[in-house]
Amino acid sequence: MSNKISKTDTQLAATGRPKRRPAHTVSYPPERASTILFPTYEDFTSGDRPLLYGRFGTTTHRAFEQSIAALEEATYVHLAPSGLAAITLTIIALSAPGSHVLVTDNAYDPVRGFCDRLLNQLGIDTEYYNPRTGKNIEQLIRPETTVILAESPGSLTFEVQDIPAIAKVAAQKSVPLLVDNTWAASYFFKPLTAGAAISILSATKYIAGHADCLLGTIATNDASLSVKIGRTLRQIGSNVSSDDVFLAHRGLRTLAARLPVHERHGLALAKWLSERPEIATVLHPALTSHPDNALWKRDFTGASGLFGFILKPCDEQQVAAFCNSMTYFGMGYSWGGFESLLIPTPPQKYRSTVPWTHNGTLMRVHAGLEDVGDLVNDLDLAFAAFNAAKDTKG
């Protein structure tokens, strides 16, 4: 019988751990350092030093990178101070003045700010494409195109992209496809095995899982891309706190236990919300009512706890009454932690290629680990306040 680690759940628990003997800690502690000392001249001048300077990482970082490599089925992993930094620094690493980058129109909105401001200042042209373009993205690729960025599902509007089709075209055109895969946490979907060149995670979210640190990961199997990304991270002075890495690695150990609960609670809430008369539609890729459900079923093995719903046209007073009546759902940015979140979002501000035409308010939900019955009751009470606000005004 082979003892090779092959199952993702086992990899999450077993990789990136100390192997010291005779006694050792279960996990690498947060090793904080600026200076790394070398015992001899030969060690100091060696060309294959695993540790060099604190900004380039410590044993804590190397261990986490090993675990992310196993999760992503990747050869090379780099860390960034946030998910946003992982995306932006990768784009910078692969582009130059005069470059053209293709970015999905449903991308994380701070990425749009980066593209519209900083990339524009650097002489790099950004073109936003329809997230449902699929293989037809070939028509948008130019000789100067250096990057295609996908996000599937989109974390505001939840379109599912045909990553294998885009990846095939991108490979034929020698343009790296970057996938922001934070929604699936590279547990329910693995972009590199679907043909993408680079998989990016905001480890702030499901990887860390406790809303207490900021971190991004960049994974690839392409050595030349890894060199460019690593060089850019070093030259720009990007570094990640060993404490944040420790917290994210600790969270990663329980990813396989937490994600199915998020999935179960998210689906239960989505189905319950689908029956509410106040709602125009629920945006959850795992529901058969979702326009991309067939694509999601083909490529994903499960769903996370993030989804959305659109209220029928109402006034701000009703939305405020709804939000202010919640007990277990918090109002705050990010997601992927143990806590449930619910916020109104304005996607029309962040779209250009495919305008957002729905009249009602879009609400984004993150289903946490609380009892799902309590979460349903919380929403039920919020809708009571929502309707009372309408009746009061009427």
Protein backbone atom coordinates (compact mmCIF):
# COMPACT_ATOMS: atom_id res chain seq x y z
CA MET A 1 0.00 0.00 0.00
CA SER A 2 1.35 3.42 -0.92
CA ASN A 3 1.82 5.98 1.86
CA LYS A 4 1.81 8.87 -0.59
CA ILE A 5 -0.43 11.74 0.53
CA SER A 6 -3.06 12.08 -2.16
CA LYS A 7 -6.28 13.37 -0.60
CA THR A 8 -6.76 17.11 -0.16
CA ASP A 9 -8.13 16.74 3.38
CA THR A 10 -5.02 14.81 4.42
CA GLN A 11 -2.72 17.31 2.73
CA LEU A 12 -4.34 20.18 4.62
CA ALA A 13 -3.59 18.42 7.90
CA ALA A 14 -0.21 16.91 7.13
CA THR A 15 1.83 19.22 4.89
CA GLY A 16 4.05 22.06 6.05
CA ARG A 17 4.69 20.57 9.49
CA PRO A 18 7.95 20.08 11.41
CA LYS A 19 9.68 16.73 11.10
CA ARG A 20 12.26 17.27 13.82
CA ARG A 21 13.20 14.45 16.14
CA PRO A 22 13.00 13.33 18.87
CA ALA A 23 10.47 15.97 20.01
CA HIS A 24 8.92 18.87 18.14
CA THR A 25 5.94 21.18 18.07
CA VAL A 26 2.91 20.19 15.99
CA SER A 27 3.15 23.37 13.88
CA TYR A 28 5.90 25.82 13.07
CA PRO A 29 5.58 28.80 15.42
CA PRO A 30 5.54 32.36 14.06
CA GLU A 31 9.25 32.94 13.46
CA ARG A 32 9.76 36.72 13.49
CA ALA A 33 12.97 38.01 11.99
CA SER A 34 14.70 40.75 10.09
CA THR A 35 18.29 39.49 10.26
CA ILE A 36 19.05 35.84 9.51
CA LEU A 37 22.40 34.73 10.90
CA PHE A 38 24.69 32.25 9.15
CA PRO A 39 27.17 30.15 11.13
CA THR A 40 30.00 30.17 8.57
CA TYR A 41 31.29 32.13 5.60
CA GLU A 42 30.45 29.16 3.41
CA ASP A 43 26.85 29.19 4.59
CA PHE A 44 26.65 32.97 4.10
CA THR A 45 27.89 32.81 0.51
CA SER A 46 26.00 29.66 -0.51
CA GLY A 47 23.82 30.02 -3.58
CA ASP A 48 21.03 27.80 -2.29
CA ARG A 49 20.24 29.42 1.06
CA PRO A 50 16.66 28.49 2.06
CA LEU A 51 16.55 31.55 4.33
CA LEU A 52 18.23 34.86 3.54
CA TYR A 53 16.55 37.88 5.12
CA GLY A 54 13.34 38.29 7.09
CA ARG A 55 11.59 40.16 4.27
CA PHE A 56 11.96 37.07 2.08
CA GLY A 57 10.31 34.85 4.67
CA THR A 58 11.19 32.52 7.50
CA THR A 59 10.56 28.86 8.25
CA THR A 60 6.97 29.87 9.08
CA HIS A 61 6.48 31.16 5.54
CA ARG A 62 8.14 28.17 3.87
CA ALA A 63 5.85 25.77 5.75
CA PHE A 64 2.70 27.61 4.72
CA GLU A 65 3.87 27.81 1.11
CA GLN A 66 4.32 24.04 1.13
CA SER A 67 0.73 23.53 2.30
CA ILE A 68 -0.69 25.95 -0.27
CA ALA A 69 1.31 24.18 -2.99
CA ALA A 70 -0.33 20.91 -1.99
CA LEU A 71 -3.79 22.49 -1.94
CA GLU A 72 -3.32 24.15 -5.33
CA GLU A 73 -1.40 21.25 -6.90
CA ALA A 74 1.30 23.81 -7.65
CA THR A 75 5.07 23.77 -7.81
CA TYR A 76 5.68 27.41 -6.89
CA VAL A 77 3.91 29.58 -4.31
CA HIS A 78 4.44 33.23 -3.41
CA LEU A 79 2.85 35.20 -0.60
CA ALA A 80 1.53 38.76 -0.63
CA PRO A 81 0.21 41.02 2.15
CA SER A 82 -3.42 40.70 0.96
CA GLY A 83 -5.54 39.13 -1.74
CA LEU A 84 -5.62 42.46 -3.56
CA ALA A 85 -1.83 42.70 -3.45
CA ALA A 86 -1.55 39.16 -4.82
CA ILE A 87 -3.59 40.20 -7.85
CA THR A 88 -2.10 43.62 -8.46
CA LEU A 89 1.52 42.61 -8.00
CA THR A 90 1.09 39.62 -10.31
CA ILE A 91 -0.35 41.86 -13.03
CA ILE A 92 2.53 44.31 -12.61
CA ALA A 93 5.05 41.46 -12.72
CA LEU A 94 3.74 40.25 -16.08
CA SER A 95 3.10 43.60 -17.76
CA ALA A 96 5.02 46.62 -19.01
CA PRO A 97 4.20 50.03 -20.50
CA GLY A 98 2.23 49.43 -23.69
CA SER A 99 0.73 46.17 -22.43
CA HIS A 100 -2.94 45.29 -22.70
CA VAL A 101 -4.67 43.35 -19.92
CA LEU A 102 -8.09 41.71 -20.00
CA VAL A 103 -10.04 41.84 -16.74
CA THR A 104 -13.42 40.28 -16.11
CA ASP A 105 -16.19 42.85 -15.64
CA ASN A 106 -17.24 41.20 -12.35
CA ALA A 107 -13.80 41.50 -10.76
CA TYR A 108 -13.31 42.45 -7.11
CA ASP A 109 -13.92 46.20 -7.24
CA PRO A 110 -10.57 47.35 -5.73
CA VAL A 111 -8.93 45.60 -8.69
CA ARG A 112 -10.83 47.96 -10.98
CA GLY A 113 -9.49 50.91 -9.02
CA PHE A 114 -5.96 49.58 -9.47
CA CYS A 115 -6.48 49.07 -13.21
CA ASP A 116 -8.19 52.40 -13.85
CA ARG A 117 -5.68 54.43 -11.85
CA LEU A 118 -2.26 52.87 -11.31
CA LEU A 119 -2.11 50.69 -14.43
CA ASN A 120 -3.32 53.60 -16.51
CA GLN A 121 -0.54 55.77 -15.06
CA LEU A 122 1.97 53.08 -15.98
CA GLY A 123 0.81 53.11 -19.61
CA ILE A 124 -0.95 49.74 -19.38
CA ASP A 125 -4.35 49.49 -21.04
CA THR A 126 -7.15 47.59 -19.29
CA GLU A 127 -10.12 46.15 -21.17
CA TYR A 128 -13.05 44.70 -19.21
CA TYR A 129 -14.75 41.68 -20.72
CA ASN A 130 -18.08 39.96 -20.22
CA PRO A 131 -17.57 37.25 -17.58
CA ARG A 132 -19.70 34.90 -19.70
CA THR A 133 -17.50 35.34 -22.77
CA GLY A 134 -15.87 31.91 -22.53
CA LYS A 135 -13.89 30.79 -25.57
CA ASN A 136 -14.91 33.95 -27.44
CA ILE A 137 -12.32 35.82 -25.41
CA GLU A 138 -10.01 34.96 -28.31
CA GLN A 139 -11.54 37.90 -30.18
CA LEU A 140 -10.31 40.30 -27.49
CA ILE A 141 -6.70 39.14 -27.28
CA ARG A 142 -4.21 41.47 -28.96
CA PRO A 143 -0.51 40.98 -29.74
CA GLU A 144 0.28 43.18 -26.72
CA THR A 145 -2.05 41.32 -24.31
CA THR A 146 -0.02 40.12 -21.34
CA VAL A 147 -2.61 38.99 -18.78
CA ILE A 148 -6.17 37.70 -18.56
CA LEU A 149 -7.77 37.98 -15.12
CA ALA A 150 -10.82 35.86 -14.27
CA GLU A 151 -12.87 35.66 -11.08
CA SER A 152 -15.31 32.79 -10.82
CA PRO A 153 -17.85 33.10 -9.40
CA GLY A 154 -17.73 36.88 -9.12
CA SER A 155 -17.86 37.85 -5.46
CA LEU A 156 -20.61 40.44 -6.00
CA THR A 157 -22.75 39.16 -8.86
CA PHE A 158 -21.78 35.46 -8.95
CA GLU A 159 -21.38 34.76 -12.65
CA VAL A 160 -19.49 31.51 -13.25
CA GLN A 161 -16.81 31.72 -15.93
CA ASP A 162 -15.86 28.92 -18.30
CA ILE A 163 -12.31 28.69 -16.99
CA PRO A 164 -11.27 25.61 -19.04
CA ALA A 165 -12.39 27.29 -22.29
CA ILE A 166 -10.65 30.57 -21.47
CA ALA A 167 -7.55 28.69 -20.31
CA LYS A 168 -7.35 26.78 -23.59
CA VAL A 169 -7.49 29.97 -25.64
CA ALA A 170 -5.04 31.73 -23.33
CA ALA A 171 -2.53 28.88 -23.64
CA GLN A 172 -2.83 28.90 -27.43
CA LYS A 173 -2.12 32.63 -27.44
CA SER A 174 0.65 32.35 -24.80
CA VAL A 175 -1.18 34.74 -22.48
CA PRO A 176 -1.19 33.78 -18.77
CA LEU A 177 -4.65 33.28 -17.29
CA LEU A 178 -4.90 34.41 -13.66
CA VAL A 179 -7.88 33.16 -11.67
CA ASP A 180 -9.05 34.78 -8.46
CA ASN A 181 -10.30 31.57 -6.89
CA THR A 182 -11.11 32.87 -3.42
CA TRP A 183 -14.80 31.78 -3.51
CA ALA A 184 -13.89 28.11 -3.95
CA ALA A 185 -10.71 28.36 -1.82
CA SER A 186 -9.02 25.90 -4.24
CA TYR A 187 -10.90 23.21 -2.34
CA PHE A 188 -14.04 23.03 -4.47
CA PHE A 189 -12.23 24.05 -7.67
CA LYS A 190 -8.55 24.03 -8.66
CA PRO A 191 -7.73 26.47 -11.49
CA LEU A 192 -4.30 25.03 -12.27
CA THR A 193 -5.77 21.62 -13.03
CA ALA A 194 -8.31 23.35 -15.29
CA GLY A 195 -5.54 24.92 -17.37
CA ALA A 196 -5.03 28.31 -15.73
CA ALA A 197 -1.45 29.56 -15.45
CA ILE A 198 -1.87 31.16 -12.02
CA SER A 199 -4.28 30.66 -9.13
CA ILE A 200 -4.70 33.49 -6.64
CA LEU A 201 -6.39 33.29 -3.25
CA SER A 202 -7.25 35.91 -0.71
CA ALA A 203 -6.13 33.77 2.21
CA THR A 204 -7.70 36.46 4.37
CA LYS A 205 -10.98 34.68 3.77
CA TYR A 206 -11.62 30.91 3.89
CA ILE A 207 -7.99 29.88 4.28
CA ALA A 208 -7.48 31.84 7.50
CA GLY A 209 -11.16 31.47 8.32
CA HIS A 210 -11.33 33.66 11.43
CA ALA A 211 -11.38 37.27 10.16
CA ASP A 212 -8.18 38.09 12.02
CA CYS A 213 -5.42 38.45 9.42
CA LEU A 214 -4.67 39.66 5.88
CA LEU A 215 -2.82 37.51 3.33
CA GLY A 216 -2.74 36.58 -0.35
CA THR A 217 -1.27 33.56 -2.15
CA ILE A 218 -0.05 33.15 -5.73
CA ALA A 219 0.40 29.62 -7.09
CA THR A 220 1.73 28.41 -10.43
CA ASN A 221 3.46 25.50 -12.15
CA ASP A 222 5.27 27.78 -14.61
CA ALA A 223 8.87 28.41 -13.58
CA SER A 224 9.30 31.53 -15.74
CA LEU A 225 6.15 33.14 -14.34
CA SER A 226 7.27 32.27 -10.82
CA VAL A 227 10.61 34.01 -11.38
CA LYS A 228 8.93 37.18 -12.63
CA ILE A 229 6.45 37.25 -9.76
CA GLY A 230 9.08 36.52 -7.12
CA ARG A 231 11.40 39.19 -8.49
CA THR A 232 8.63 41.79 -8.48
CA LEU A 233 7.60 40.97 -4.92
CA ARG A 234 11.20 41.36 -3.75
CA GLN A 235 11.90 44.54 -5.69
CA ILE A 236 8.73 46.27 -4.57
CA GLY A 237 9.51 45.43 -0.95
CA SER A 238 6.46 43.27 -0.40
CA ASN A 239 6.58 41.16 2.72
CA VAL A 240 4.12 39.24 4.88
CA SER A 241 4.01 39.12 8.66
CA SER A 242 4.97 35.75 10.10
CA ASP A 243 2.12 36.16 12.58
CA ASP A 244 -0.41 36.46 9.75
CA VAL A 245 1.15 33.46 8.02
CA PHE A 246 0.92 31.44 11.24
CA LEU A 247 -2.77 32.34 11.65
CA ALA A 248 -3.55 31.50 8.03
CA HIS A 249 -1.72 28.17 8.27
CA ARG A 250 -3.61 27.33 11.45
CA GLY A 251 -6.87 28.16 9.69
CA LEU A 252 -5.92 26.06 6.68
CA ARG A 253 -5.79 22.96 8.89
CA THR A 254 -9.57 23.11 9.43
CA LEU A 255 -10.60 24.19 5.92
CA ALA A 256 -11.94 20.73 5.06
CA ALA A 257 -14.12 20.76 8.18
CA ARG A 258 -15.39 24.33 7.83
CA LEU A 259 -16.19 24.64 4.14
CA PRO A 260 -18.89 21.93 4.04
CA VAL A 261 -20.68 23.73 6.88
CA HIS A 262 -20.50 27.04 5.03
CA GLU A 263 -21.81 25.23 1.96
CA ARG A 264 -24.69 23.59 3.82
CA HIS A 265 -25.73 26.79 5.57
CA GLY A 266 -25.41 28.88 2.41
CA LEU A 267 -27.63 26.52 0.43
CA ALA A 268 -30.21 26.35 3.21
CA LEU A 269 -30.40 30.13 3.40
CA ALA A 270 -30.48 30.51 -0.38
CA LYS A 271 -33.39 28.08 -0.70
CA TRP A 272 -35.28 29.75 2.15
CA LEU A 273 -34.72 33.18 0.63
CA SER A 274 -35.94 31.94 -2.75
CA GLU A 275 -39.41 31.56 -1.21
CA ARG A 276 -39.58 35.07 0.22
CA PRO A 277 -42.04 37.43 -1.51
CA GLU A 278 -39.72 40.41 -0.91
CA ILE A 279 -37.00 38.96 -3.15
CA ALA A 280 -36.73 39.22 -6.92
CA THR A 281 -34.00 36.59 -7.32
CA VAL A 282 -31.30 34.69 -5.45
CA LEU A 283 -27.79 34.56 -6.92
CA HIS A 284 -26.30 31.24 -5.84
CA PRO A 285 -24.46 29.15 -8.48
CA ALA A 286 -25.55 25.86 -6.89
CA LEU A 287 -29.25 26.64 -7.36
CA THR A 288 -30.81 25.28 -10.54
CA SER A 289 -32.36 28.72 -11.05
CA HIS A 290 -28.91 30.25 -11.53
CA PRO A 291 -28.11 30.81 -15.24
CA ASP A 292 -24.63 29.28 -14.83
CA ASN A 293 -25.68 26.29 -12.74
CA ALA A 294 -24.75 23.74 -15.43
CA LEU A 295 -21.27 25.24 -15.73
CA TRP A 296 -20.86 25.29 -11.96
CA LYS A 297 -21.91 21.62 -11.70
CA ARG A 298 -19.41 20.69 -14.40
CA ASP A 299 -16.39 22.37 -12.81
CA PHE A 300 -16.99 22.64 -9.05
CA THR A 301 -17.25 19.93 -6.42
CA GLY A 302 -19.07 22.16 -3.93
CA ALA A 303 -20.10 25.67 -2.99
CA SER A 304 -18.86 28.08 -0.37
CA GLY A 305 -21.09 30.21 1.84
CA LEU A 306 -21.03 33.42 -0.21
CA PHE A 307 -24.00 34.35 -2.40
CA GLY A 308 -26.39 37.21 -3.06
CA PHE A 309 -30.04 38.11 -3.42
CA ILE A 310 -31.83 41.01 -5.05
CA LEU A 311 -34.68 42.71 -3.22
CA LYS A 312 -37.70 43.83 -5.16
CA PRO A 313 -37.68 47.63 -5.59
CA CYS A 314 -37.85 49.28 -2.17
CA ASP A 315 -36.61 52.43 -0.46
CA GLU A 316 -33.51 52.94 1.63
CA GLN A 317 -35.57 53.18 4.81
CA GLN A 318 -36.65 49.56 4.35
CA VAL A 319 -33.10 48.38 3.66
CA ALA A 320 -31.89 50.22 6.77
CA ALA A 321 -34.66 48.63 8.88
CA PHE A 322 -33.70 45.20 7.56
CA CYS A 323 -29.99 45.63 8.32
CA ASN A 324 -30.50 47.25 11.71
CA SER A 325 -32.71 44.37 12.87
CA MET A 326 -30.10 41.66 12.35
CA THR A 327 -28.52 39.99 15.38
CA TYR A 328 -26.29 37.22 14.03
CA PHE A 329 -25.51 38.71 10.62
CA GLY A 330 -22.85 41.38 10.93
CA MET A 331 -22.34 44.29 8.56
CA GLY A 332 -18.75 44.53 7.41
CA TYR A 333 -16.44 43.96 4.49
CA SER A 334 -14.61 40.78 3.55
CA TRP A 335 -16.04 37.29 4.18
CA GLY A 336 -14.92 33.72 4.69
CA GLY A 337 -14.66 33.88 8.45
CA PHE A 338 -16.71 31.91 10.97
CA GLU A 339 -19.22 34.73 11.31
CA SER A 340 -22.24 35.44 9.09
CA LEU A 341 -22.29 38.73 7.21
CA LEU A 342 -24.88 40.57 5.17
CA ILE A 343 -24.42 43.92 3.42
CA PRO A 344 -26.07 45.89 0.63
CA THR A 345 -23.81 46.31 -2.39
CA PRO A 346 -24.06 48.57 -5.49
CA PRO A 347 -22.69 46.51 -8.41
CA GLN A 348 -23.76 49.13 -10.95
CA LYS A 349 -20.82 51.23 -9.75
CA TYR A 350 -18.37 48.52 -10.72
CA ARG A 351 -19.58 47.45 -14.14
CA SER A 352 -18.79 48.85 -17.58
CA THR A 353 -18.96 46.11 -20.22
CA VAL A 354 -22.12 44.44 -18.90
CA PRO A 355 -24.24 47.11 -17.17
CA TRP A 356 -26.16 46.06 -14.06
CA THR A 357 -29.83 46.52 -14.95
CA HIS A 358 -31.65 45.15 -11.90
CA ASN A 359 -33.76 47.77 -10.10
CA GLY A 360 -33.71 46.22 -6.65
CA THR A 361 -30.96 46.38 -4.02
CA LEU A 362 -28.37 43.62 -4.18
CA MET A 363 -27.60 42.09 -0.79
CA ARG A 364 -24.47 39.98 -0.34
CA VAL A 365 -24.63 37.15 2.20
CA HIS A 366 -21.88 35.16 3.83
CA ALA A 367 -23.29 32.15 5.67
CA GLY A 368 -21.19 31.48 8.74
CA LEU A 369 -20.95 28.66 11.22
CA GLU A 370 -23.80 29.65 13.52
CA ASP A 371 -26.84 27.37 13.82
CA VAL A 372 -28.72 27.71 10.54
CA GLY A 373 -32.07 27.84 12.35
CA ASP A 374 -30.90 30.92 14.23
CA LEU A 375 -29.74 32.48 10.97
CA VAL A 376 -33.13 31.85 9.33
CA ASN A 377 -34.90 33.34 12.33
CA ASP A 378 -32.61 36.37 12.17
CA LEU A 379 -33.54 36.96 8.53
CA ASP A 380 -37.21 36.39 9.25
CA LEU A 381 -37.16 39.11 11.90
CA ALA A 382 -35.24 41.40 9.56
CA PHE A 383 -37.90 40.98 6.88
CA ALA A 384 -40.58 41.77 9.47
CA ALA A 385 -38.81 45.06 10.17
CA PHE A 386 -38.38 45.60 6.43
CA ASN A 387 -42.12 45.23 5.83
CA ALA A 388 -43.04 47.29 8.88
CA ALA A 389 -40.91 50.15 7.56
CA LYS A 390 -42.85 49.98 4.29
CA ASP A 391 -46.20 49.93 6.09
CA THR A 392 -45.17 52.88 8.28
CA LYS A 393 -44.24 54.94 5.28
CA GLY A 394 -47.42 53.94 3.45
